[in-house]
Amino acid sequence: MKDAKRGFVPSDEREFGDKAIPKLRQAAEEVLFLLNHGYPVKGATRFVGDHYMFSERQRLALARTVSPEEQIVSRLSREVKNIEGETIYIDGFNVIIGLEIAFSESMLFTCMDGTIRDLAGLRGTYRLIPETDLAVKALLKTLEKLKVGKAVIYLDKPVSNSGRLKQKINEYAEDVDIEVEVEIEDAVDYILKQKPLIASGDAIILDACDKWFNLVRSVIEENIGRYPYIDICPEME
């Protein structure tokens, strides 16, 4: 295993290990019940998390994995499977950090809407790591294999090193036979909500967008294969 892995803290081995998973799955079922009955996600995860005496990361995992069934049905109805010839607008940090975590062999969750999410928090700071190169190359090669017409990758301007990441993406984009455009913007979430076809794991963006493609999962399947995702998803009622 690698040192200083993206998205990993030492307590994860205990809090998300084999012994913890059954309790997390039971808690996820209870959170889903509350969400389906109109409770807000913060209140539901706090209530259930207090009952099980969960850590903040365990509560965050519940919040990112579980969504009300009405939202899940809506998201899945707008997911597209074929993006050949399309212009796809990509939530750059969201996608690339997820891929960095995969190449770091760290912890990723499969979620009720089929997306892959992590527990990494951006909070305005980002640094390039060795896995950044692997993530960017895999992303672009997969987009090329999917035969997209154009990929527009948005990076958040307030986040540190967004300029360096843009430079790296443009460098590797020269090796693929697709059109790639990288934009650094202040309001990436708002921009993506207006676009016709997006790639992001952000639930708020997915609930607002027209159509979306499950890009992180596709890149991992294409470049890594079977991944040991953590699955605490409850069954829908």
Protein backbone atom coordinates (compact mmCIF):
# COMPACT_ATOMS: atom_id res chain seq x y z
CA MET A 1 0.00 0.00 0.00
CA LYS A 2 1.12 3.56 -0.67
CA ASP A 3 1.84 6.24 1.91
CA ALA A 4 -0.25 9.43 2.19
CA LYS A 5 -3.01 8.06 -0.01
CA ARG A 6 -5.59 10.49 -1.37
CA GLY A 7 -8.86 10.24 0.54
CA PHE A 8 -7.55 7.95 3.30
CA VAL A 9 -7.18 8.38 7.04
CA PRO A 10 -5.85 5.64 9.36
CA SER A 11 -9.16 5.20 11.19
CA ASP A 12 -10.83 4.12 7.91
CA GLU A 13 -9.52 0.58 8.30
CA ARG A 14 -11.52 0.20 11.50
CA GLU A 15 -14.52 2.39 10.71
CA PHE A 16 -15.12 0.81 7.28
CA GLY A 17 -13.66 -2.64 7.85
CA ASP A 18 -15.53 -5.93 7.56
CA LYS A 19 -16.85 -5.74 11.12
CA ALA A 20 -18.25 -2.24 10.61
CA ILE A 21 -20.06 -2.86 7.30
CA PRO A 22 -23.18 -4.66 8.68
CA LYS A 23 -23.87 -1.82 11.11
CA LEU A 24 -23.31 0.78 8.37
CA ARG A 25 -25.76 -1.05 6.09
CA GLN A 26 -28.38 -1.16 8.82
CA ALA A 27 -27.85 2.53 9.45
CA ALA A 28 -28.15 3.25 5.71
CA GLU A 29 -31.56 1.54 5.67
CA GLU A 30 -32.70 3.75 8.53
CA VAL A 31 -31.38 6.90 6.85
CA LEU A 32 -33.21 5.95 3.65
CA PHE A 33 -36.46 5.48 5.58
CA LEU A 34 -36.13 8.95 7.09
CA LEU A 35 -35.22 10.57 3.76
CA ASN A 36 -38.18 8.92 2.05
CA HIS A 37 -40.41 10.46 4.70
CA GLY A 38 -39.15 13.97 4.13
CA TYR A 39 -36.34 14.34 6.64
CA PRO A 40 -33.35 16.45 5.47
CA VAL A 41 -30.14 14.52 4.92
CA LYS A 42 -28.21 16.33 7.66
CA GLY A 43 -30.89 15.68 10.23
CA ALA A 44 -31.31 12.05 9.19
CA THR A 45 -27.60 11.23 9.27
CA ARG A 46 -27.15 13.06 12.57
CA PHE A 47 -30.06 11.22 14.19
CA VAL A 48 -28.97 7.78 12.97
CA GLY A 49 -25.29 8.55 13.49
CA ASP A 50 -25.91 9.53 17.10
CA HIS A 51 -27.79 6.28 17.69
CA TYR A 52 -24.89 4.17 16.39
CA MET A 53 -22.22 6.52 17.80
CA PHE A 54 -20.69 6.89 14.34
CA SER A 55 -17.69 9.05 13.51
CA GLU A 56 -17.97 12.09 11.24
CA ARG A 57 -16.58 10.10 8.30
CA GLN A 58 -19.09 7.30 8.81
CA ARG A 59 -21.89 9.87 8.83
CA LEU A 60 -20.45 11.48 5.70
CA ALA A 61 -20.42 8.07 4.00
CA LEU A 62 -24.13 7.68 4.76
CA ALA A 63 -24.89 11.15 3.41
CA ARG A 64 -22.99 10.55 0.17
CA THR A 65 -24.24 7.01 -0.41
CA VAL A 66 -27.95 7.29 0.40
CA SER A 67 -30.54 9.52 -1.29
CA PRO A 68 -34.35 9.57 -1.28
CA GLU A 69 -35.82 7.06 -3.72
CA GLU A 70 -37.58 9.84 -5.63
CA GLN A 71 -34.22 11.47 -6.37
CA ILE A 72 -32.63 8.13 -7.32
CA VAL A 73 -35.39 7.36 -9.82
CA SER A 74 -35.06 10.85 -11.31
CA ARG A 75 -31.28 10.63 -11.63
CA LEU A 76 -31.35 7.18 -13.22
CA SER A 77 -33.98 8.31 -15.73
CA ARG A 78 -31.57 10.99 -16.98
CA GLU A 79 -28.40 8.89 -17.11
CA VAL A 80 -27.05 8.24 -20.61
CA LYS A 81 -24.95 5.22 -21.55
CA ASN A 82 -23.61 6.28 -24.96
CA ILE A 83 -21.78 9.58 -25.41
CA GLU A 84 -20.29 8.97 -28.86
CA GLY A 85 -20.12 12.23 -30.79
CA GLU A 86 -21.42 14.25 -27.84
CA THR A 87 -19.93 17.24 -26.08
CA ILE A 88 -19.56 16.36 -22.42
CA TYR A 89 -19.01 18.94 -19.68
CA ILE A 90 -16.93 17.56 -16.83
CA ASP A 91 -16.70 18.52 -13.16
CA GLY A 92 -12.90 18.40 -13.24
CA PHE A 93 -11.87 18.23 -9.59
CA ASN A 94 -14.78 15.95 -8.69
CA VAL A 95 -13.87 13.43 -11.39
CA ILE A 96 -10.08 13.62 -11.18
CA ILE A 97 -9.93 13.34 -7.38
CA GLY A 98 -12.13 10.25 -7.55
CA LEU A 99 -9.73 8.72 -10.07
CA GLU A 100 -6.68 9.71 -8.01
CA ILE A 101 -8.22 7.85 -5.09
CA ALA A 102 -8.79 4.80 -7.27
CA PHE A 103 -5.19 4.77 -8.47
CA SER A 104 -4.08 5.28 -4.85
CA GLU A 105 -5.99 2.10 -3.96
CA SER A 106 -7.95 4.05 -1.38
CA MET A 107 -11.57 4.00 -0.30
CA LEU A 108 -14.42 4.53 -2.78
CA PHE A 109 -18.15 3.96 -2.31
CA THR A 110 -20.70 2.69 -4.78
CA CYS A 111 -23.86 4.71 -4.24
CA MET A 112 -27.60 4.22 -4.71
CA ASP A 113 -27.61 6.21 -7.96
CA GLY A 114 -24.75 4.13 -9.38
CA THR A 115 -22.14 6.85 -9.01
CA ILE A 116 -18.79 6.37 -7.31
CA ARG A 117 -18.10 8.76 -4.45
CA ASP A 118 -15.31 9.36 -1.96
CA LEU A 119 -14.88 11.06 1.39
CA ALA A 120 -12.15 13.46 0.31
CA GLY A 121 -12.85 17.10 1.09
CA LEU A 122 -11.53 19.77 -1.28
CA ARG A 123 -12.13 22.86 0.88
CA GLY A 124 -10.19 25.13 -1.46
CA THR A 125 -6.90 23.25 -1.26
CA TYR A 126 -5.57 20.78 -3.79
CA ARG A 127 -2.12 19.51 -4.65
CA LEU A 128 -0.96 17.32 -7.48
CA ILE A 129 0.23 13.85 -6.48
CA PRO A 130 1.88 11.04 -8.49
CA GLU A 131 -1.56 9.52 -9.14
CA THR A 132 -2.70 12.76 -10.79
CA ASP A 133 -0.83 11.80 -13.96
CA LEU A 134 -2.41 8.34 -13.97
CA ALA A 135 -5.87 9.83 -13.40
CA VAL A 136 -5.62 12.44 -16.15
CA LYS A 137 -4.19 10.01 -18.71
CA ALA A 138 -6.84 7.39 -17.92
CA LEU A 139 -9.62 10.00 -18.11
CA LEU A 140 -8.55 11.26 -21.52
CA LYS A 141 -7.88 7.81 -22.96
CA THR A 142 -11.32 6.64 -21.84
CA LEU A 143 -13.01 9.68 -23.37
CA GLU A 144 -11.15 8.92 -26.60
CA LYS A 145 -12.31 5.30 -26.52
CA LEU A 146 -15.88 6.46 -25.89
CA LYS A 147 -15.50 8.59 -29.04
CA VAL A 148 -16.80 11.79 -27.51
CA GLY A 149 -17.06 14.73 -29.85
CA LYS A 150 -15.58 17.17 -27.35
CA ALA A 151 -14.70 17.23 -23.65
CA VAL A 152 -14.94 20.49 -21.72
CA ILE A 153 -13.31 20.15 -18.30
CA TYR A 154 -14.17 22.78 -15.70
CA LEU A 155 -11.85 23.50 -12.79
CA ASP A 156 -12.77 25.66 -9.80
CA LYS A 157 -10.85 28.94 -9.85
CA PRO A 158 -10.77 29.38 -6.05
CA VAL A 159 -9.06 25.99 -5.59
CA SER A 160 -5.28 26.03 -5.28
CA ASN A 161 -3.22 24.58 -8.14
CA SER A 162 -6.12 24.69 -10.61
CA GLY A 163 -3.76 26.34 -13.09
CA ARG A 164 -1.18 23.57 -12.71
CA LEU A 165 -3.84 20.92 -13.20
CA LYS A 166 -5.08 22.69 -16.33
CA GLN A 167 -1.54 22.67 -17.69
CA LYS A 168 -1.21 18.94 -17.02
CA ILE A 169 -4.54 18.13 -18.68
CA ASN A 170 -3.60 20.16 -21.75
CA GLU A 171 -0.24 18.40 -21.89
CA TYR A 172 -1.79 14.92 -21.97
CA ALA A 173 -4.61 16.06 -24.26
CA GLU A 174 -2.05 16.31 -27.04
CA ASP A 175 -1.80 12.51 -26.99
CA VAL A 176 -5.50 11.81 -27.66
CA ASP A 177 -7.56 12.21 -30.80
CA ILE A 178 -10.43 14.20 -29.29
CA GLU A 179 -11.03 17.89 -28.73
CA VAL A 180 -10.33 18.87 -25.12
CA GLU A 181 -10.98 22.27 -23.60
CA VAL A 182 -10.10 23.20 -20.01
CA GLU A 183 -11.81 26.15 -18.36
CA ILE A 184 -11.08 27.65 -14.93
CA GLU A 185 -14.24 29.25 -13.55
CA ASP A 186 -15.56 30.71 -10.30
CA ALA A 187 -18.97 29.01 -10.35
CA VAL A 188 -18.43 25.54 -11.80
CA ASP A 189 -21.47 23.97 -10.12
CA TYR A 190 -23.78 26.65 -11.51
CA ILE A 191 -22.30 26.31 -15.00
CA LEU A 192 -22.65 22.53 -15.05
CA LYS A 193 -26.30 22.68 -14.00
CA GLN A 194 -27.04 24.57 -17.24
CA LYS A 195 -25.25 22.15 -19.58
CA PRO A 196 -27.02 19.44 -21.64
CA LEU A 197 -24.68 16.55 -20.73
CA ILE A 198 -22.40 16.50 -17.70
CA ALA A 199 -20.11 14.21 -15.71
CA SER A 200 -20.04 14.66 -11.95
CA GLY A 201 -20.70 12.76 -8.76
CA ASP A 202 -22.11 15.83 -7.03
CA ALA A 203 -25.69 14.99 -6.05
CA ILE A 204 -26.86 18.60 -6.24
CA ILE A 205 -25.58 18.93 -9.80
CA LEU A 206 -27.08 15.56 -10.79
CA ASP A 207 -30.48 16.60 -9.46
CA ALA A 208 -30.42 19.80 -11.52
CA CYS A 209 -28.82 18.71 -14.81
CA ASP A 210 -30.54 17.57 -18.00
CA LYS A 211 -28.47 14.42 -18.66
CA TRP A 212 -25.37 12.86 -17.12
CA PHE A 213 -22.80 10.16 -17.76
CA ASN A 214 -21.21 7.95 -15.08
CA LEU A 215 -17.65 8.85 -16.01
CA VAL A 216 -15.67 7.89 -12.91
CA ARG A 217 -17.10 4.37 -12.91
CA SER A 218 -16.42 4.04 -16.65
CA VAL A 219 -12.79 5.16 -16.33
CA ILE A 220 -12.16 2.77 -13.43
CA GLU A 221 -13.75 -0.16 -15.28
CA GLU A 222 -11.72 0.60 -18.40
CA ASN A 223 -8.34 1.16 -16.72
CA ILE A 224 -8.38 -0.73 -13.42
CA GLY A 225 -11.12 -3.31 -13.77
CA ARG A 226 -12.84 -4.74 -10.72
CA TYR A 227 -12.46 -2.35 -7.79
CA PRO A 228 -13.14 -3.15 -4.11
CA TYR A 229 -15.83 -0.52 -3.67
CA ILE A 230 -17.45 -0.23 -0.27
CA ASP A 231 -21.14 -0.99 -0.67
CA ILE A 232 -23.47 0.00 2.15
CA CYS A 233 -26.41 0.81 -0.14
CA PRO A 234 -29.84 -0.10 1.20
CA GLU A 235 -32.47 -1.78 -0.95
CA MET A 236 -35.08 0.59 -2.30
CA GLU A 237 -38.56 0.06 -0.88
